[in-house]
Amino acid sequence: MLSLLLIISMAEARLFGSTQVFGKKDSTPECVTVHGVVSGETCFSVTQTYNLTTDFFIAINPNLNCSALFVGQWLCISGTVV
């Protein structure tokens, strides 16, 4: 019975656009400004160029794999992390 109630409450949350589970807030970053990677750049060089902290840079680019940057890849360099 408890499982059924949990499934229903999760389904209702998704219907109404909320994915908040057990008091945990959504943490969807909102990007304002992007940068296109050029040859030779690394995550570190981008953070240095735009004076960003590593924590903020990773938070604003949550699915970024710094080991696999490619030329032309868009990186978020300013925005908000909610």
N, C-alpha and C. Protein backbone atom coordinates (compact mmCIF):
# COMPACT_ATOMS: atom_id res chain seq x y z
N MET A 1 0.82 -1.19 0.00
CA MET A 1 0.00 0.00 0.00
C MET A 1 0.87 1.26 0.00
N LEU A 2 1.91 1.24 0.82
CA LEU A 2 2.79 2.39 0.89
C LEU A 2 3.47 2.65 -0.45
N SER A 3 3.87 1.59 -1.12
CA SER A 3 4.50 1.74 -2.44
C SER A 3 3.55 2.40 -3.43
N LEU A 4 2.31 2.00 -3.41
CA LEU A 4 1.30 2.57 -4.30
C LEU A 4 1.14 4.07 -4.03
N LEU A 5 1.09 4.45 -2.77
CA LEU A 5 0.96 5.87 -2.43
C LEU A 5 2.17 6.68 -2.89
N LEU A 6 3.36 6.12 -2.75
CA LEU A 6 4.56 6.82 -3.21
C LEU A 6 4.56 6.99 -4.72
N ILE A 7 4.16 5.98 -5.43
CA ILE A 7 4.11 6.06 -6.90
C ILE A 7 3.10 7.11 -7.34
N ILE A 8 1.95 7.13 -6.71
CA ILE A 8 0.91 8.11 -7.07
C ILE A 8 1.39 9.52 -6.78
N SER A 9 2.01 9.74 -5.63
CA SER A 9 2.46 11.10 -5.29
C SER A 9 3.57 11.56 -6.23
N MET A 10 4.45 10.67 -6.65
CA MET A 10 5.51 11.03 -7.59
C MET A 10 4.91 11.35 -8.96
N ALA A 11 3.92 10.58 -9.38
CA ALA A 11 3.27 10.82 -10.67
C ALA A 11 2.55 12.16 -10.67
N GLU A 12 1.87 12.49 -9.58
CA GLU A 12 1.18 13.77 -9.48
C GLU A 12 2.18 14.92 -9.52
N ALA A 13 3.30 14.77 -8.87
CA ALA A 13 4.32 15.82 -8.86
C ALA A 13 4.82 16.09 -10.27
N ARG A 14 5.01 15.04 -11.04
CA ARG A 14 5.47 15.22 -12.42
C ARG A 14 4.40 15.86 -13.29
N LEU A 15 3.13 15.55 -13.04
CA LEU A 15 2.05 16.15 -13.81
C LEU A 15 2.00 17.66 -13.61
N PHE A 16 2.32 18.10 -12.41
CA PHE A 16 2.22 19.52 -12.10
C PHE A 16 3.57 20.23 -12.18
N GLY A 17 4.56 19.59 -12.79
CA GLY A 17 5.85 20.23 -13.05
C GLY A 17 6.80 20.28 -11.88
N SER A 18 6.53 19.59 -10.82
CA SER A 18 7.44 19.59 -9.68
C SER A 18 8.09 18.23 -9.56
N THR A 19 9.41 18.25 -9.42
CA THR A 19 10.12 17.00 -9.19
C THR A 19 10.73 17.00 -7.80
N GLN A 20 10.21 17.83 -6.95
CA GLN A 20 10.71 17.94 -5.60
C GLN A 20 10.33 16.69 -4.82
N VAL A 21 11.33 16.06 -4.22
CA VAL A 21 11.08 14.83 -3.48
C VAL A 21 11.60 15.00 -2.06
N PHE A 22 10.75 14.75 -1.09
CA PHE A 22 11.10 14.76 0.33
C PHE A 22 11.83 16.03 0.74
N GLY A 23 11.31 17.20 0.34
CA GLY A 23 11.86 18.48 0.75
C GLY A 23 13.10 18.92 0.01
N LYS A 24 13.54 18.16 -0.97
CA LYS A 24 14.73 18.53 -1.74
C LYS A 24 14.31 19.41 -2.91
N LYS A 25 14.93 20.58 -3.04
CA LYS A 25 14.58 21.51 -4.12
C LYS A 25 15.18 21.08 -5.44
N ASP A 26 14.50 21.45 -6.53
CA ASP A 26 15.05 21.26 -7.87
C ASP A 26 16.29 22.13 -7.99
N SER A 27 17.31 21.64 -8.66
CA SER A 27 18.52 22.44 -8.83
C SER A 27 18.84 22.55 -10.31
N THR A 28 17.95 23.19 -11.04
CA THR A 28 18.13 23.35 -12.47
C THR A 28 18.86 24.65 -12.74
N PRO A 29 20.05 24.57 -13.33
CA PRO A 29 20.76 25.80 -13.65
C PRO A 29 20.11 26.54 -14.81
N GLU A 30 20.19 27.85 -14.77
CA GLU A 30 19.68 28.68 -15.86
C GLU A 30 20.84 29.45 -16.44
N CYS A 31 21.15 29.19 -17.70
CA CYS A 31 22.30 29.81 -18.34
C CYS A 31 21.91 31.15 -18.96
N VAL A 32 22.78 32.14 -18.80
CA VAL A 32 22.56 33.47 -19.37
C VAL A 32 23.53 33.73 -20.52
N THR A 33 24.80 33.35 -20.34
CA THR A 33 25.82 33.61 -21.35
C THR A 33 26.59 32.32 -21.63
N VAL A 34 26.86 32.07 -22.91
CA VAL A 34 27.60 30.87 -23.29
C VAL A 34 28.92 31.24 -23.96
N HIS A 35 29.81 30.27 -24.02
CA HIS A 35 31.12 30.42 -24.65
C HIS A 35 31.34 29.19 -25.51
N GLY A 36 31.78 29.39 -26.74
CA GLY A 36 32.12 28.28 -27.63
C GLY A 36 33.58 27.91 -27.44
N VAL A 37 33.84 26.64 -27.16
CA VAL A 37 35.20 26.16 -26.93
C VAL A 37 36.02 26.30 -28.21
N VAL A 38 37.25 26.80 -28.06
CA VAL A 38 38.18 26.90 -29.18
C VAL A 38 39.33 25.93 -28.94
N SER A 39 40.09 25.68 -29.98
CA SER A 39 41.19 24.73 -29.92
C SER A 39 42.16 25.05 -28.77
N GLY A 40 42.49 24.04 -28.00
CA GLY A 40 43.45 24.19 -26.91
C GLY A 40 42.86 24.57 -25.57
N GLU A 41 41.57 24.87 -25.52
CA GLU A 41 40.96 25.26 -24.24
C GLU A 41 40.67 24.05 -23.37
N THR A 42 40.71 24.29 -22.09
CA THR A 42 40.35 23.29 -21.08
C THR A 42 39.32 23.93 -20.15
N CYS A 43 38.71 23.12 -19.31
CA CYS A 43 37.78 23.67 -18.32
C CYS A 43 38.51 24.68 -17.44
N PHE A 44 39.74 24.35 -17.06
CA PHE A 44 40.51 25.26 -16.21
C PHE A 44 40.76 26.59 -16.90
N SER A 45 41.15 26.55 -18.17
CA SER A 45 41.44 27.81 -18.87
C SER A 45 40.18 28.67 -19.03
N VAL A 46 39.04 28.03 -19.22
CA VAL A 46 37.78 28.80 -19.34
C VAL A 46 37.44 29.45 -18.00
N THR A 47 37.60 28.71 -16.90
CA THR A 47 37.31 29.30 -15.59
C THR A 47 38.25 30.46 -15.30
N GLN A 48 39.50 30.35 -15.73
CA GLN A 48 40.46 31.43 -15.52
C GLN A 48 40.12 32.64 -16.39
N THR A 49 39.77 32.41 -17.64
CA THR A 49 39.45 33.50 -18.57
C THR A 49 38.27 34.32 -18.07
N TYR A 50 37.25 33.65 -17.56
CA TYR A 50 36.03 34.35 -17.14
C TYR A 50 35.96 34.57 -15.62
N ASN A 51 37.06 34.28 -14.92
CA ASN A 51 37.14 34.49 -13.48
C ASN A 51 36.01 33.78 -12.73
N LEU A 52 35.82 32.50 -13.02
CA LEU A 52 34.78 31.70 -12.40
C LEU A 52 35.39 30.75 -11.38
N THR A 53 34.63 30.44 -10.34
CA THR A 53 35.09 29.40 -9.42
C THR A 53 34.79 28.05 -10.05
N THR A 54 35.58 27.07 -9.70
CA THR A 54 35.37 25.73 -10.23
C THR A 54 34.01 25.19 -9.83
N ASP A 55 33.61 25.41 -8.58
CA ASP A 55 32.30 24.93 -8.10
C ASP A 55 31.16 25.52 -8.91
N PHE A 56 31.21 26.83 -9.18
CA PHE A 56 30.15 27.46 -9.96
C PHE A 56 30.14 26.94 -11.39
N PHE A 57 31.32 26.83 -11.99
CA PHE A 57 31.43 26.36 -13.38
C PHE A 57 30.84 24.96 -13.53
N ILE A 58 31.15 24.08 -12.61
CA ILE A 58 30.62 22.71 -12.67
C ILE A 58 29.11 22.71 -12.40
N ALA A 59 28.64 23.56 -11.48
CA ALA A 59 27.22 23.62 -11.17
C ALA A 59 26.40 24.15 -12.34
N ILE A 60 26.94 25.11 -13.07
CA ILE A 60 26.20 25.72 -14.18
C ILE A 60 26.30 24.87 -15.45
N ASN A 61 27.24 23.92 -15.47
CA ASN A 61 27.41 22.98 -16.58
C ASN A 61 27.36 21.55 -16.01
N PRO A 62 26.20 21.10 -15.51
CA PRO A 62 26.13 19.87 -14.73
C PRO A 62 26.51 18.59 -15.48
N ASN A 63 26.34 18.52 -16.77
CA ASN A 63 26.64 17.29 -17.51
C ASN A 63 27.95 17.38 -18.27
N LEU A 64 28.80 18.29 -17.88
CA LEU A 64 30.04 18.53 -18.59
C LEU A 64 31.09 17.49 -18.24
N ASN A 65 31.77 16.98 -19.27
CA ASN A 65 32.90 16.08 -19.09
C ASN A 65 34.14 16.84 -19.52
N CYS A 66 34.89 17.35 -18.57
CA CYS A 66 36.05 18.17 -18.88
C CYS A 66 37.15 17.40 -19.61
N SER A 67 37.12 16.09 -19.54
CA SER A 67 38.11 15.27 -20.24
C SER A 67 37.78 15.12 -21.71
N ALA A 68 36.60 15.55 -22.11
CA ALA A 68 36.18 15.34 -23.50
C ALA A 68 35.64 16.62 -24.14
N LEU A 69 36.24 17.76 -23.82
CA LEU A 69 35.82 19.01 -24.46
C LEU A 69 36.13 18.94 -25.95
N PHE A 70 35.30 19.57 -26.76
CA PHE A 70 35.56 19.60 -28.20
C PHE A 70 35.32 21.00 -28.74
N VAL A 71 36.00 21.33 -29.81
CA VAL A 71 35.90 22.65 -30.43
C VAL A 71 34.45 22.89 -30.85
N GLY A 72 33.94 24.05 -30.47
CA GLY A 72 32.56 24.41 -30.80
C GLY A 72 31.56 24.04 -29.72
N GLN A 73 31.97 23.30 -28.71
CA GLN A 73 31.06 22.94 -27.62
C GLN A 73 30.67 24.19 -26.86
N TRP A 74 29.39 24.31 -26.54
CA TRP A 74 28.90 25.47 -25.79
C TRP A 74 29.02 25.21 -24.31
N LEU A 75 29.64 26.15 -23.61
CA LEU A 75 29.75 26.09 -22.16
C LEU A 75 29.05 27.30 -21.58
N CYS A 76 28.32 27.08 -20.51
CA CYS A 76 27.66 28.18 -19.83
C CYS A 76 28.71 28.87 -18.95
N ILE A 77 28.79 30.19 -19.07
CA ILE A 77 29.76 30.94 -18.27
C ILE A 77 29.12 31.94 -17.32
N SER A 78 27.81 32.14 -17.44
CA SER A 78 27.12 32.96 -16.46
C SER A 78 25.67 32.54 -16.41
N GLY A 79 25.10 32.66 -15.23
CA GLY A 79 23.72 32.25 -15.02
C GLY A 79 23.45 32.06 -13.55
N THR A 80 22.42 31.31 -13.27
CA THR A 80 22.06 31.06 -11.87
C THR A 80 21.89 29.58 -11.63
N VAL A 81 22.24 29.18 -10.43
CA VAL A 81 22.03 27.80 -10.00
C VAL A 81 21.05 27.88 -8.84
N VAL A 82 19.86 27.36 -9.06
CA VAL A 82 18.79 27.49 -8.08
C VAL A 82 18.89 26.39 -7.05
